[in-house]
Amino acid sequence: MSKPFLMPFAASLFAVAAFSAGAAAFESYRITGVRTGDTLTMRAEPAEGGKPADWQALGSIPANADRVLGTGRSVQVNGQNWAEVSFGGTLGWVNAKFLTAMSDPPDLKSETFQCSGTEPFWGVTLGPEKGEYSDPEQSFALTIERVQPSTARLFPLLYRLKDDKGRSYRATVTQRPGCIDGMSDYEYAFEVLFSGEDNFEQGCCVIRR
């Protein structure tokens, strides 16, 4: 099994705008503010210093594109907020000021969440049917017995799980823009609470795109 996916924090200057507004923080987006006929460049992970043009270009998104899929991960660099998105099979980072969230409600039961936390370092992957858990002492596969949305809503999600020894677990994935684990400058749109017979963990998540 792969090592736990580790994640952390950055303040979001764009929190009051469309990108970070409520549930829209992790839905699909449309591109706004890009001139007709032009494109928005998807770049490798941004870093402090230098200019965006210096960061590796991975792909481009047309000015009229919609259904640009966010992972729920963002970071503030040089005073601007950047979001990790997927478009046309390419995963990269774009300046969040060009993203406006679509208005349709999130239906995330079929998505796969990759979550992790610290002290100790642990991780859990939650898919529609299967998952996996790891910490410094163990790793094991999980079977998803049921994914239950909140009553009368499509999100948050409650997962009922079992391992190969028949032990039961529960995980709840909720929206929490600003979820952090204190180890980096990343900010996440999702929080997970994971519990079993002997453990209760809290961590942050992204959607695997």
Protein backbone atom coordinates (compact mmCIF):
# COMPACT_ATOMS: atom_id res chain seq x y z
CA MET A 1 0.00 0.00 0.00
CA SER A 2 1.17 3.53 -0.72
CA LYS A 3 2.27 5.88 2.02
CA PRO A 4 -0.37 8.14 3.63
CA PHE A 5 -1.17 11.29 1.68
CA LEU A 6 -0.01 14.23 3.83
CA MET A 7 -1.58 17.68 3.60
CA PRO A 8 -1.72 21.13 5.24
CA PHE A 9 -2.50 24.98 5.34
CA ALA A 10 -2.55 28.45 3.82
CA ALA A 11 -4.82 31.41 4.43
CA SER A 12 -7.19 32.07 1.54
CA LEU A 13 -7.28 35.67 0.37
CA PHE A 14 -10.02 34.66 -2.03
CA ALA A 15 -12.30 33.25 0.67
CA VAL A 16 -15.04 35.81 0.15
CA ALA A 17 -15.18 35.34 -3.60
CA ALA A 18 -16.82 32.70 -5.77
CA PHE A 19 -14.00 30.22 -5.47
CA SER A 20 -14.38 29.66 -1.72
CA ALA A 21 -18.07 30.38 -1.28
CA GLY A 22 -19.74 27.65 0.77
CA ALA A 23 -20.30 24.31 -0.92
CA ALA A 24 -19.06 25.78 -4.18
CA ALA A 25 -15.50 25.42 -2.92
CA PHE A 26 -15.26 21.86 -4.21
CA GLU A 27 -17.70 21.66 -7.11
CA SER A 28 -16.98 22.02 -10.79
CA TYR A 29 -16.13 25.44 -12.13
CA ARG A 30 -16.48 27.55 -15.25
CA ILE A 31 -13.79 29.91 -16.47
CA THR A 32 -14.45 33.64 -16.15
CA GLY A 33 -12.30 36.72 -16.73
CA VAL A 34 -10.30 35.20 -19.62
CA ARG A 35 -10.59 36.96 -22.98
CA THR A 36 -12.60 35.19 -25.68
CA GLY A 37 -10.30 33.11 -27.84
CA ASP A 38 -7.62 33.05 -25.14
CA THR A 39 -6.84 30.20 -22.72
CA LEU A 40 -6.06 29.76 -19.03
CA THR A 41 -2.75 27.95 -18.49
CA MET A 42 -2.60 24.99 -16.11
CA ARG A 43 0.76 24.95 -14.35
CA ALA A 44 2.87 22.72 -12.16
CA GLU A 45 2.58 23.30 -8.43
CA PRO A 46 3.27 27.00 -7.76
CA ALA A 47 6.03 28.09 -5.41
CA GLU A 48 6.92 31.33 -3.67
CA GLY A 49 9.17 33.58 -5.69
CA GLY A 50 9.42 33.96 -9.41
CA LYS A 51 6.54 34.57 -11.79
CA PRO A 52 3.72 32.23 -12.87
CA ALA A 53 5.17 32.26 -16.36
CA ASP A 54 8.28 30.59 -14.91
CA TRP A 55 6.27 27.62 -13.61
CA GLN A 56 5.95 24.65 -15.95
CA ALA A 57 2.89 24.78 -18.23
CA LEU A 58 0.98 21.49 -18.19
CA GLY A 59 -2.03 22.33 -20.35
CA SER A 60 -4.60 25.00 -21.14
CA ILE A 61 -8.31 25.59 -20.56
CA PRO A 62 -10.47 27.50 -23.10
CA ALA A 63 -11.97 30.80 -22.00
CA ASN A 64 -15.53 29.42 -22.31
CA ALA A 65 -14.86 26.09 -20.52
CA ASP A 66 -17.08 24.77 -17.78
CA ARG A 67 -17.00 21.55 -15.75
CA VAL A 68 -13.46 22.25 -14.66
CA LEU A 69 -13.11 19.85 -11.73
CA GLY A 70 -11.51 20.93 -8.47
CA THR A 71 -9.73 18.58 -6.08
CA GLY A 72 -10.46 20.72 -3.03
CA ARG A 73 -6.82 21.74 -2.57
CA SER A 74 -5.53 25.31 -2.82
CA VAL A 75 -2.53 27.38 -1.82
CA GLN A 76 -1.72 31.07 -1.57
CA VAL A 77 1.43 32.10 -3.44
CA ASN A 78 2.76 35.64 -3.85
CA GLY A 79 -0.51 37.03 -2.48
CA GLN A 80 -2.75 35.12 -4.91
CA ASN A 81 -4.81 31.99 -4.42
CA TRP A 82 -4.13 29.00 -6.70
CA ALA A 83 -6.42 25.99 -7.03
CA GLU A 84 -5.67 22.44 -8.12
CA VAL A 85 -8.02 21.40 -10.92
CA SER A 86 -8.49 18.74 -13.56
CA PHE A 87 -9.51 19.44 -17.15
CA GLY A 88 -9.27 17.25 -20.24
CA GLY A 89 -7.40 14.56 -18.32
CA THR A 90 -4.70 16.97 -17.08
CA LEU A 91 -4.18 17.80 -13.42
CA GLY A 92 -2.63 21.17 -12.66
CA TRP A 93 -2.89 24.51 -10.88
CA VAL A 94 -4.65 27.70 -12.02
CA ASN A 95 -5.12 31.14 -10.55
CA ALA A 96 -8.40 30.88 -8.61
CA LYS A 97 -9.54 34.36 -9.62
CA PHE A 98 -10.49 32.89 -13.00
CA LEU A 99 -12.75 30.19 -11.46
CA THR A 100 -16.46 30.61 -10.77
CA ALA A 101 -18.26 27.69 -9.14
CA MET A 102 -21.14 26.03 -10.96
CA SER A 103 -24.45 26.22 -9.13
CA ASP A 104 -25.44 22.55 -9.27
CA PRO A 105 -25.32 20.76 -5.88
CA PRO A 106 -22.48 18.32 -5.21
CA ASP A 107 -23.13 14.60 -5.66
CA LEU A 108 -19.87 13.07 -4.50
CA LYS A 109 -20.82 9.47 -3.71
CA SER A 110 -19.02 8.17 -6.78
CA GLU A 111 -15.82 10.13 -6.08
CA THR A 112 -12.71 8.86 -4.29
CA PHE A 113 -11.46 10.88 -1.33
CA GLN A 114 -7.81 10.73 -0.30
CA CYS A 115 -7.42 11.80 3.31
CA SER A 116 -4.68 12.00 5.91
CA GLY A 117 -3.73 13.33 9.30
CA THR A 118 -0.85 13.54 11.74
CA GLU A 119 0.22 12.33 15.20
CA PRO A 120 0.64 9.62 14.17
CA PHE A 121 0.83 9.99 10.40
CA TRP A 122 -2.11 8.10 8.97
CA GLY A 123 -4.12 8.00 5.78
CA VAL A 124 -7.38 6.63 4.47
CA THR A 125 -8.73 6.36 0.93
CA LEU A 126 -12.51 6.23 0.54
CA GLY A 127 -13.93 5.13 -2.81
CA PRO A 128 -17.44 4.13 -3.87
CA GLU A 129 -16.76 0.44 -3.13
CA LYS A 130 -13.26 0.04 -1.70
CA GLY A 131 -10.83 1.86 0.52
CA GLU A 132 -7.60 1.45 2.42
CA TYR A 133 -6.08 2.62 5.69
CA SER A 134 -2.49 3.00 6.83
CA ASP A 135 -0.50 4.30 9.79
CA PRO A 136 3.10 3.70 10.94
CA GLU A 137 2.21 0.29 12.37
CA GLN A 138 -0.25 -1.20 9.88
CA SER A 139 -2.07 -1.00 6.58
CA PHE A 140 -5.17 -2.83 5.42
CA ALA A 141 -7.87 -2.82 2.78
CA LEU A 142 -11.41 -1.69 3.52
CA THR A 143 -14.70 -2.71 1.96
CA ILE A 144 -17.27 0.06 1.67
CA GLU A 145 -20.55 -1.45 2.82
CA ARG A 146 -22.56 1.72 2.37
CA VAL A 147 -22.15 5.37 1.45
CA GLN A 148 -24.98 7.41 2.98
CA PRO A 149 -25.56 11.10 2.17
CA SER A 150 -26.99 13.42 4.79
CA THR A 151 -30.78 13.33 5.06
CA ALA A 152 -32.42 15.35 2.25
CA ARG A 153 -28.98 16.43 1.00
CA LEU A 154 -26.25 15.03 -1.23
CA PHE A 155 -23.41 15.90 1.14
CA PRO A 156 -21.86 15.27 3.80
CA LEU A 157 -21.24 11.54 3.35
CA LEU A 158 -21.21 8.77 5.95
CA TYR A 159 -19.18 5.65 5.07
CA ARG A 160 -19.73 2.28 6.76
CA LEU A 161 -16.69 0.06 6.28
CA LYS A 162 -15.20 -3.31 7.25
CA ASP A 163 -11.70 -4.73 7.06
CA ASP A 164 -10.77 -8.29 6.11
CA LYS A 165 -11.09 -9.37 9.76
CA GLY A 166 -14.70 -8.21 9.94
CA ARG A 167 -13.99 -5.18 12.11
CA SER A 168 -16.32 -2.23 11.52
CA TYR A 169 -15.33 1.38 10.87
CA ARG A 170 -17.10 4.62 10.09
CA ALA A 171 -15.93 7.70 8.25
CA THR A 172 -17.68 11.01 7.73
CA VAL A 173 -16.50 13.39 4.99
CA THR A 174 -17.75 16.95 5.32
CA GLN A 175 -17.06 20.31 3.73
CA ARG A 176 -14.54 22.32 5.71
CA PRO A 177 -12.69 24.95 3.67
CA GLY A 178 -9.48 25.73 5.50
CA CYS A 179 -8.87 22.21 6.82
CA ILE A 180 -5.19 21.98 7.79
CA ASP A 181 -2.71 19.63 9.41
CA GLY A 182 -0.09 22.28 10.13
CA MET A 183 2.71 20.88 7.97
CA SER A 184 2.56 22.91 4.75
CA ASP A 185 0.85 25.85 3.12
CA TYR A 186 -2.02 23.89 1.59
CA GLU A 187 -5.66 24.49 2.41
CA TYR A 188 -8.32 21.80 1.90
CA ALA A 189 -12.07 21.90 1.32
CA PHE A 190 -12.83 18.59 3.09
CA GLU A 191 -12.49 17.11 6.55
CA VAL A 192 -12.72 13.41 7.47
CA LEU A 193 -13.58 11.86 10.83
CA PHE A 194 -12.57 8.20 10.88
CA SER A 195 -13.32 5.82 13.75
CA GLY A 196 -13.05 2.14 14.63
CA GLU A 197 -13.14 0.07 17.78
CA ASP A 198 -9.85 1.48 19.08
CA ASN A 199 -9.24 4.69 17.17
CA PHE A 200 -10.75 8.05 16.30
CA GLU A 201 -8.92 10.16 13.73
CA GLN A 202 -9.38 13.60 12.15
CA GLY A 203 -7.79 14.68 8.90
CA CYS A 204 -8.12 16.58 5.63
CA CYS A 205 -9.06 15.30 2.18
CA VAL A 206 -8.89 15.93 -1.53
CA ILE A 207 -10.90 14.37 -4.33
CA ARG A 208 -8.71 12.11 -6.44
CA ARG A 209 -9.01 13.36 -10.03
